[in-house]
Amino acid sequence: MIKSKDGTVKTPHRARMLDLPACYGQRWQVESFFSALTDHRRGLNCRLPASLLSEAAMRVLAYTVHR
């Protein structure tokens, strides 16, 4: 958090962020999950929309089991 020398928050947007729950500091976990899920070297192979959804769901399941 960027604060001024007297300890106050500089902008109104950052001041609003002070009231967020502590779990918002764990954004890196979500970012790493979606980064691994959307790895461009492993694109989805199916062509039909229903098959794409099932393949994506299987990848999410496999990723969560692996972790």
PDB file of N, CA and C in Angstrom:
ATOM      1  N   MET A   1       0.854  -1.176   0.000  1.00  0.00           N
ATOM      2  CA  MET A   1       0.000   0.000   0.000  1.00  0.00           C
ATOM      3  C   MET A   1       0.896   1.234   0.000  1.00  0.00           C
ATOM      4  N   ILE A   2       0.612   2.148  -0.872  1.00  0.00           N
ATOM      5  CA  ILE A   2       1.392   3.381  -0.938  1.00  0.00           C
ATOM      6  C   ILE A   2       0.782   4.405   0.005  1.00  0.00           C
ATOM      7  N   LYS A   3       1.591   4.837   0.954  1.00  0.00           N
ATOM      8  CA  LYS A   3       1.147   5.842   1.917  1.00  0.00           C
ATOM      9  C   LYS A   3       2.095   7.027   1.863  1.00  0.00           C
ATOM     10  N   SER A   4       1.589   8.162   2.284  1.00  0.00           N
ATOM     11  CA  SER A   4       2.439   9.348   2.341  1.00  0.00           C
ATOM     12  C   SER A   4       3.301   9.306   3.609  1.00  0.00           C
ATOM     13  N   LYS A   5       4.140  10.293   3.770  1.00  0.00           N
ATOM     14  CA  LYS A   5       5.049  10.307   4.917  1.00  0.00           C
ATOM     15  C   LYS A   5       4.315  10.365   6.252  1.00  0.00           C
ATOM     16  N   ASP A   6       3.143  10.978   6.256  1.00  0.00           N
ATOM     17  CA  ASP A   6       2.400  11.057   7.518  1.00  0.00           C
ATOM     18  C   ASP A   6       1.552   9.809   7.791  1.00  0.00           C
ATOM     19  N   GLY A   7       1.612   8.797   6.890  1.00  0.00           N
ATOM     20  CA  GLY A   7       0.914   7.530   7.107  1.00  0.00           C
ATOM     21  C   GLY A   7      -0.461   7.446   6.489  1.00  0.00           C
ATOM     22  N   THR A   8      -0.904   8.479   5.797  1.00  0.00           N
ATOM     23  CA  THR A   8      -2.221   8.427   5.163  1.00  0.00           C
ATOM     24  C   THR A   8      -2.091   7.868   3.753  1.00  0.00           C
ATOM     25  N   VAL A   9      -3.200   7.360   3.253  1.00  0.00           N
ATOM     26  CA  VAL A   9      -3.238   6.814   1.902  1.00  0.00           C
ATOM     27  C   VAL A   9      -3.405   7.964   0.928  1.00  0.00           C
ATOM     28  N   LYS A  10      -2.678   7.906  -0.195  1.00  0.00           N
ATOM     29  CA  LYS A  10      -2.626   9.043  -1.103  1.00  0.00           C
ATOM     30  C   LYS A  10      -3.878   9.241  -1.954  1.00  0.00           C
ATOM     31  N   THR A  11      -4.473   8.192  -2.461  1.00  0.00           N
ATOM     32  CA  THR A  11      -5.584   8.353  -3.391  1.00  0.00           C
ATOM     33  C   THR A  11      -6.867   7.769  -2.814  1.00  0.00           C
ATOM     34  N   PRO A  12      -8.021   8.241  -3.264  1.00  0.00           N
ATOM     35  CA  PRO A  12      -9.285   7.684  -2.767  1.00  0.00           C
ATOM     36  C   PRO A  12      -9.466   6.211  -3.138  1.00  0.00           C
ATOM     37  N   HIS A  13      -8.928   5.807  -4.298  1.00  0.00           N
ATOM     38  CA  HIS A  13      -9.076   4.412  -4.709  1.00  0.00           C
ATOM     39  C   HIS A  13      -8.307   3.483  -3.771  1.00  0.00           C
ATOM     40  N   ARG A  14      -7.107   3.877  -3.396  1.00  0.00           N
ATOM     41  CA  ARG A  14      -6.327   3.055  -2.468  1.00  0.00           C
ATOM     42  C   ARG A  14      -6.933   3.088  -1.064  1.00  0.00           C
ATOM     43  N   ALA A  15      -7.551   4.185  -0.705  1.00  0.00           N
ATOM     44  CA  ALA A  15      -8.209   4.262   0.596  1.00  0.00           C
ATOM     45  C   ALA A  15      -9.364   3.266   0.669  1.00  0.00           C
ATOM     46  N   ARG A  16     -10.076   3.068  -0.438  1.00  0.00           N
ATOM     47  CA  ARG A  16     -11.168   2.095  -0.465  1.00  0.00           C
ATOM     48  C   ARG A  16     -10.642   0.670  -0.352  1.00  0.00           C
ATOM     49  N   MET A  17      -9.403   0.435  -0.789  1.00  0.00           N
ATOM     50  CA  MET A  17      -8.823  -0.903  -0.736  1.00  0.00           C
ATOM     51  C   MET A  17      -8.463  -1.316   0.691  1.00  0.00           C
ATOM     52  N   LEU A  18      -8.403  -0.385   1.616  1.00  0.00           N
ATOM     53  CA  LEU A  18      -8.074  -0.728   2.998  1.00  0.00           C
ATOM     54  C   LEU A  18      -9.153  -1.576   3.657  1.00  0.00           C
ATOM     55  N   ASP A  19     -10.380  -1.489   3.158  1.00  0.00           N
ATOM     56  CA  ASP A  19     -11.501  -2.212   3.752  1.00  0.00           C
ATOM     57  C   ASP A  19     -11.701  -3.604   3.173  1.00  0.00           C
ATOM     58  N   LEU A  20     -10.836  -4.038   2.235  1.00  0.00           N
ATOM     59  CA  LEU A  20     -11.000  -5.347   1.616  1.00  0.00           C
ATOM     60  C   LEU A  20     -10.611  -6.455   2.590  1.00  0.00           C
ATOM     61  N   PRO A  21     -11.239  -7.623   2.455  1.00  0.00           N
ATOM     62  CA  PRO A  21     -10.872  -8.750   3.318  1.00  0.00           C
ATOM     63  C   PRO A  21      -9.430  -9.197   3.063  1.00  0.00           C
ATOM     64  N   ALA A  22      -8.874  -9.906   4.000  1.00  0.00           N
ATOM     65  CA  ALA A  22      -7.478 -10.350   3.893  1.00  0.00           C
ATOM     66  C   ALA A  22      -7.265 -11.328   2.743  1.00  0.00           C
ATOM     67  N   CYS A  23      -8.317 -12.044   2.326  1.00  0.00           N
ATOM     68  CA  CYS A  23      -8.158 -13.032   1.253  1.00  0.00           C
ATOM     69  C   CYS A  23      -7.820 -12.370  -0.086  1.00  0.00           C
ATOM     70  N   TYR A  24      -8.043 -11.072  -0.215  1.00  0.00           N
ATOM     71  CA  TYR A  24      -7.710 -10.397  -1.459  1.00  0.00           C
ATOM     72  C   TYR A  24      -6.205 -10.319  -1.671  1.00  0.00           C
ATOM     73  N   GLY A  25      -5.423 -10.576  -0.655  1.00  0.00           N
ATOM     74  CA  GLY A  25      -3.976 -10.601  -0.801  1.00  0.00           C
ATOM     75  C   GLY A  25      -3.468 -11.889  -1.430  1.00  0.00           C
ATOM     76  N   GLN A  26      -4.356 -12.829  -1.699  1.00  0.00           N
ATOM     77  CA  GLN A  26      -3.980 -14.120  -2.256  1.00  0.00           C
ATOM     78  C   GLN A  26      -4.237 -14.183  -3.762  1.00  0.00           C
ATOM     79  N   ARG A  27      -4.206 -13.062  -4.429  1.00  0.00           N
ATOM     80  CA  ARG A  27      -4.496 -13.028  -5.859  1.00  0.00           C
ATOM     81  C   ARG A  27      -3.513 -13.872  -6.663  1.00  0.00           C
ATOM     82  N   TRP A  28      -2.285 -14.000  -6.193  1.00  0.00           N
ATOM     83  CA  TRP A  28      -1.274 -14.755  -6.924  1.00  0.00           C
ATOM     84  C   TRP A  28      -1.694 -16.206  -7.112  1.00  0.00           C
ATOM     85  N   GLN A  29      -2.454 -16.772  -6.183  1.00  0.00           N
ATOM     86  CA  GLN A  29      -2.900 -18.153  -6.323  1.00  0.00           C
ATOM     87  C   GLN A  29      -3.879 -18.290  -7.484  1.00  0.00           C
ATOM     88  N   VAL A  30      -4.776 -17.345  -7.601  1.00  0.00           N
ATOM     89  CA  VAL A  30      -5.743 -17.370  -8.696  1.00  0.00           C
ATOM     90  C   VAL A  30      -5.039 -17.149 -10.021  1.00  0.00           C
ATOM     91  N   GLU A  31      -4.090 -16.210 -10.037  1.00  0.00           N
ATOM     92  CA  GLU A  31      -3.356 -15.925 -11.266  1.00  0.00           C
ATOM     93  C   GLU A  31      -2.551 -17.135 -11.726  1.00  0.00           C
ATOM     94  N   SER A  32      -1.918 -17.851 -10.804  1.00  0.00           N
ATOM     95  CA  SER A  32      -1.138 -19.023 -11.207  1.00  0.00           C
ATOM     96  C   SER A  32      -2.049 -20.145 -11.690  1.00  0.00           C
ATOM     97  N   PHE A  33      -3.235 -20.283 -11.090  1.00  0.00           N
ATOM     98  CA  PHE A  33      -4.190 -21.296 -11.544  1.00  0.00           C
ATOM     99  C   PHE A  33      -4.612 -21.039 -12.977  1.00  0.00           C
ATOM    100  N   PHE A  34      -5.021 -19.790 -13.277  1.00  0.00           N
ATOM    101  CA  PHE A  34      -5.468 -19.490 -14.631  1.00  0.00           C
ATOM    102  C   PHE A  34      -4.312 -19.491 -15.625  1.00  0.00           C
ATOM    103  N   SER A  35      -3.114 -19.170 -15.184  1.00  0.00           N
ATOM    104  CA  SER A  35      -1.958 -19.235 -16.062  1.00  0.00           C
ATOM    105  C   SER A  35      -1.693 -20.675 -16.484  1.00  0.00           C
ATOM    106  N   ALA A  36      -1.744 -21.594 -15.547  1.00  0.00           N
ATOM    107  CA  ALA A  36      -1.537 -23.003 -15.874  1.00  0.00           C
ATOM    108  C   ALA A  36      -2.689 -23.547 -16.703  1.00  0.00           C
ATOM    109  N   LEU A  37      -3.883 -23.086 -16.424  1.00  0.00           N
ATOM    110  CA  LEU A  37      -5.056 -23.579 -17.138  1.00  0.00           C
ATOM    111  C   LEU A  37      -5.066 -23.111 -18.588  1.00  0.00           C
ATOM    112  N   THR A  38      -4.594 -21.913 -18.835  1.00  0.00           N
ATOM    113  CA  THR A  38      -4.638 -21.357 -20.190  1.00  0.00           C
ATOM    114  C   THR A  38      -3.273 -21.374 -20.860  1.00  0.00           C
ATOM    115  N   ASP A  39      -2.465 -22.363 -20.513  1.00  0.00           N
ATOM    116  CA  ASP A  39      -1.151 -22.491 -21.133  1.00  0.00           C
ATOM    117  C   ASP A  39      -1.335 -22.654 -22.638  1.00  0.00           C
ATOM    118  N   HIS A  40      -0.716 -21.779 -23.417  1.00  0.00           N
ATOM    119  CA  HIS A  40      -0.950 -21.750 -24.865  1.00  0.00           C
ATOM    120  C   HIS A  40      -0.329 -22.945 -25.589  1.00  0.00           C
ATOM    121  N   ARG A  41       0.586 -23.631 -24.963  1.00  0.00           N
ATOM    122  CA  ARG A  41       1.169 -24.813 -25.604  1.00  0.00           C
ATOM    123  C   ARG A  41       0.217 -25.991 -25.582  1.00  0.00           C
ATOM    124  N   ARG A  42      -0.789 -25.917 -24.733  1.00  0.00           N
ATOM    125  CA  ARG A  42      -1.738 -27.026 -24.612  1.00  0.00           C
ATOM    126  C   ARG A  42      -3.144 -26.526 -24.898  1.00  0.00           C
ATOM    127  N   GLY A  43      -3.444 -26.213 -26.119  1.00  0.00           N
ATOM    128  CA  GLY A  43      -4.765 -25.718 -26.472  1.00  0.00           C
ATOM    129  C   GLY A  43      -5.806 -26.811 -26.408  1.00  0.00           C
ATOM    130  N   LEU A  44      -7.057 -26.426 -26.412  1.00  0.00           N
ATOM    131  CA  LEU A  44      -8.133 -27.409 -26.420  1.00  0.00           C
ATOM    132  C   LEU A  44      -8.210 -28.043 -27.810  1.00  0.00           C
ATOM    133  N   ASN A  45      -8.421 -29.340 -27.855  1.00  0.00           N
ATOM    134  CA  ASN A  45      -8.387 -30.073 -29.113  1.00  0.00           C
ATOM    135  C   ASN A  45      -9.753 -30.246 -29.751  1.00  0.00           C
ATOM    136  N   CYS A  46     -10.809 -30.158 -28.990  1.00  0.00           N
ATOM    137  CA  CYS A  46     -12.154 -30.405 -29.497  1.00  0.00           C
ATOM    138  C   CYS A  46     -12.653 -29.231 -30.340  1.00  0.00           C
ATOM    139  N   ARG A  47     -13.645 -29.500 -31.164  1.00  0.00           N
ATOM    140  CA  ARG A  47     -14.224 -28.472 -32.025  1.00  0.00           C
ATOM    141  C   ARG A  47     -15.665 -28.112 -31.660  1.00  0.00           C
ATOM    142  N   LEU A  48     -16.422 -29.062 -31.187  1.00  0.00           N
ATOM    143  CA  LEU A  48     -17.823 -28.809 -30.852  1.00  0.00           C
ATOM    144  C   LEU A  48     -17.924 -28.125 -29.494  1.00  0.00           C
ATOM    145  N   PRO A  49     -18.876 -27.203 -29.336  1.00  0.00           N
ATOM    146  CA  PRO A  49     -18.992 -26.471 -28.064  1.00  0.00           C
ATOM    147  C   PRO A  49     -19.168 -27.373 -26.837  1.00  0.00           C
ATOM    148  N   ALA A  50     -19.973 -28.411 -26.949  1.00  0.00           N
ATOM    149  CA  ALA A  50     -20.183 -29.308 -25.805  1.00  0.00           C
ATOM    150  C   ALA A  50     -18.893 -30.051 -25.461  1.00  0.00           C
ATOM    151  N   SER A  51     -18.164 -30.457 -26.483  1.00  0.00           N
ATOM    152  CA  SER A  51     -16.896 -31.151 -26.252  1.00  0.00           C
ATOM    153  C   SER A  51     -15.858 -30.217 -25.657  1.00  0.00           C
ATOM    154  N   LEU A  52     -15.847 -28.958 -26.086  1.00  0.00           N
ATOM    155  CA  LEU A  52     -14.922 -27.976 -25.530  1.00  0.00           C
ATOM    156  C   LEU A  52     -15.177 -27.780 -24.041  1.00  0.00           C
ATOM    157  N   LEU A  53     -16.445 -27.688 -23.665  1.00  0.00           N
ATOM    158  CA  LEU A  53     -16.781 -27.519 -22.252  1.00  0.00           C
ATOM    159  C   LEU A  53     -16.349 -28.724 -21.428  1.00  0.00           C
ATOM    160  N   SER A  54     -16.590 -29.921 -21.942  1.00  0.00           N
ATOM    161  CA  SER A  54     -16.210 -31.107 -21.181  1.00  0.00           C
ATOM    162  C   SER A  54     -14.692 -31.243 -21.096  1.00  0.00           C
ATOM    163  N   GLU A  55     -13.963 -30.899 -22.169  1.00  0.00           N
ATOM    164  CA  GLU A  55     -12.504 -30.962 -22.123  1.00  0.00           C
ATOM    165  C   GLU A  55     -11.945 -29.919 -21.148  1.00  0.00           C
ATOM    166  N   ALA A  56     -12.513 -28.732 -21.152  1.00  0.00           N
ATOM    167  CA  ALA A  56     -12.066 -27.701 -20.218  1.00  0.00           C
ATOM    168  C   ALA A  56     -12.355 -28.115 -18.780  1.00  0.00           C
ATOM    169  N   ALA A  57     -13.514 -28.716 -18.542  1.00  0.00           N
ATOM    170  CA  ALA A  57     -13.858 -29.182 -17.199  1.00  0.00           C
ATOM    171  C   ALA A  57     -12.911 -30.289 -16.746  1.00  0.00           C
ATOM    172  N   MET A  58     -12.534 -31.170 -17.645  1.00  0.00           N
ATOM    173  CA  MET A  58     -11.594 -32.236 -17.300  1.00  0.00           C
ATOM    174  C   MET A  58     -10.215 -31.675 -16.978  1.00  0.00           C
ATOM    175  N   ARG A  59      -9.818 -30.623 -17.692  1.00  0.00           N
ATOM    176  CA  ARG A  59      -8.522 -30.000 -17.391  1.00  0.00           C
ATOM    177  C   ARG A  59      -8.536 -29.330 -16.023  1.00  0.00           C
ATOM    178  N   VAL A  60      -9.629 -28.668 -15.695  1.00  0.00           N
ATOM    179  CA  VAL A  60      -9.738 -28.050 -14.368  1.00  0.00           C
ATOM    180  C   VAL A  60      -9.695 -29.125 -13.292  1.00  0.00           C
ATOM    181  N   LEU A  61     -10.413 -30.205 -13.500  1.00  0.00           N
ATOM    182  CA  LEU A  61     -10.416 -31.307 -12.543  1.00  0.00           C
ATOM    183  C   LEU A  61      -9.022 -31.914 -12.400  1.00  0.00           C
ATOM    184  N   ALA A  62      -8.355 -32.147 -13.512  1.00  0.00           N
ATOM    185  CA  ALA A  62      -7.009 -32.729 -13.454  1.00  0.00           C
ATOM    186  C   ALA A  62      -6.027 -31.778 -12.763  1.00  0.00           C
ATOM    187  N   TYR A  63      -6.170 -30.497 -13.009  1.00  0.00           N
ATOM    188  CA  TYR A  63      -5.269 -29.529 -12.371  1.00  0.00           C
ATOM    189  C   TYR A  63      -5.477 -29.490 -10.862  1.00  0.00           C
ATOM    190  N   THR A  64      -6.740 -29.488 -10.442  1.00  0.00           N
ATOM    191  CA  THR A  64      -7.008 -29.417  -9.008  1.00  0.00           C
ATOM    192  C   THR A  64      -6.606 -30.698  -8.297  1.00  0.00           C
ATOM    193  N   VAL A  65      -6.736 -31.847  -8.944  1.00  0.00           N
ATOM    194  CA  VAL A  65      -6.303 -33.108  -8.345  1.00  0.00           C
ATOM    195  C   VAL A  65      -4.785 -33.136  -8.262  1.00  0.00           C
ATOM    196  N   HIS A  66      -4.129 -32.625  -9.280  1.00  0.00           N
ATOM    197  CA  HIS A  66      -2.662 -32.612  -9.316  1.00  0.00           C
ATOM    198  C   HIS A  66      -2.103 -31.719  -8.214  1.00  0.00           C
ATOM    199  N   ARG A  67      -2.730 -30.595  -7.929  1.00  0.00           N
ATOM    200  CA  ARG A  67      -2.276 -29.672  -6.893  1.00  0.00           C
ATOM    201  C   ARG A  67      -2.614 -30.255  -5.564  1.00  0.00           C
TER     202      ARG A  67
END
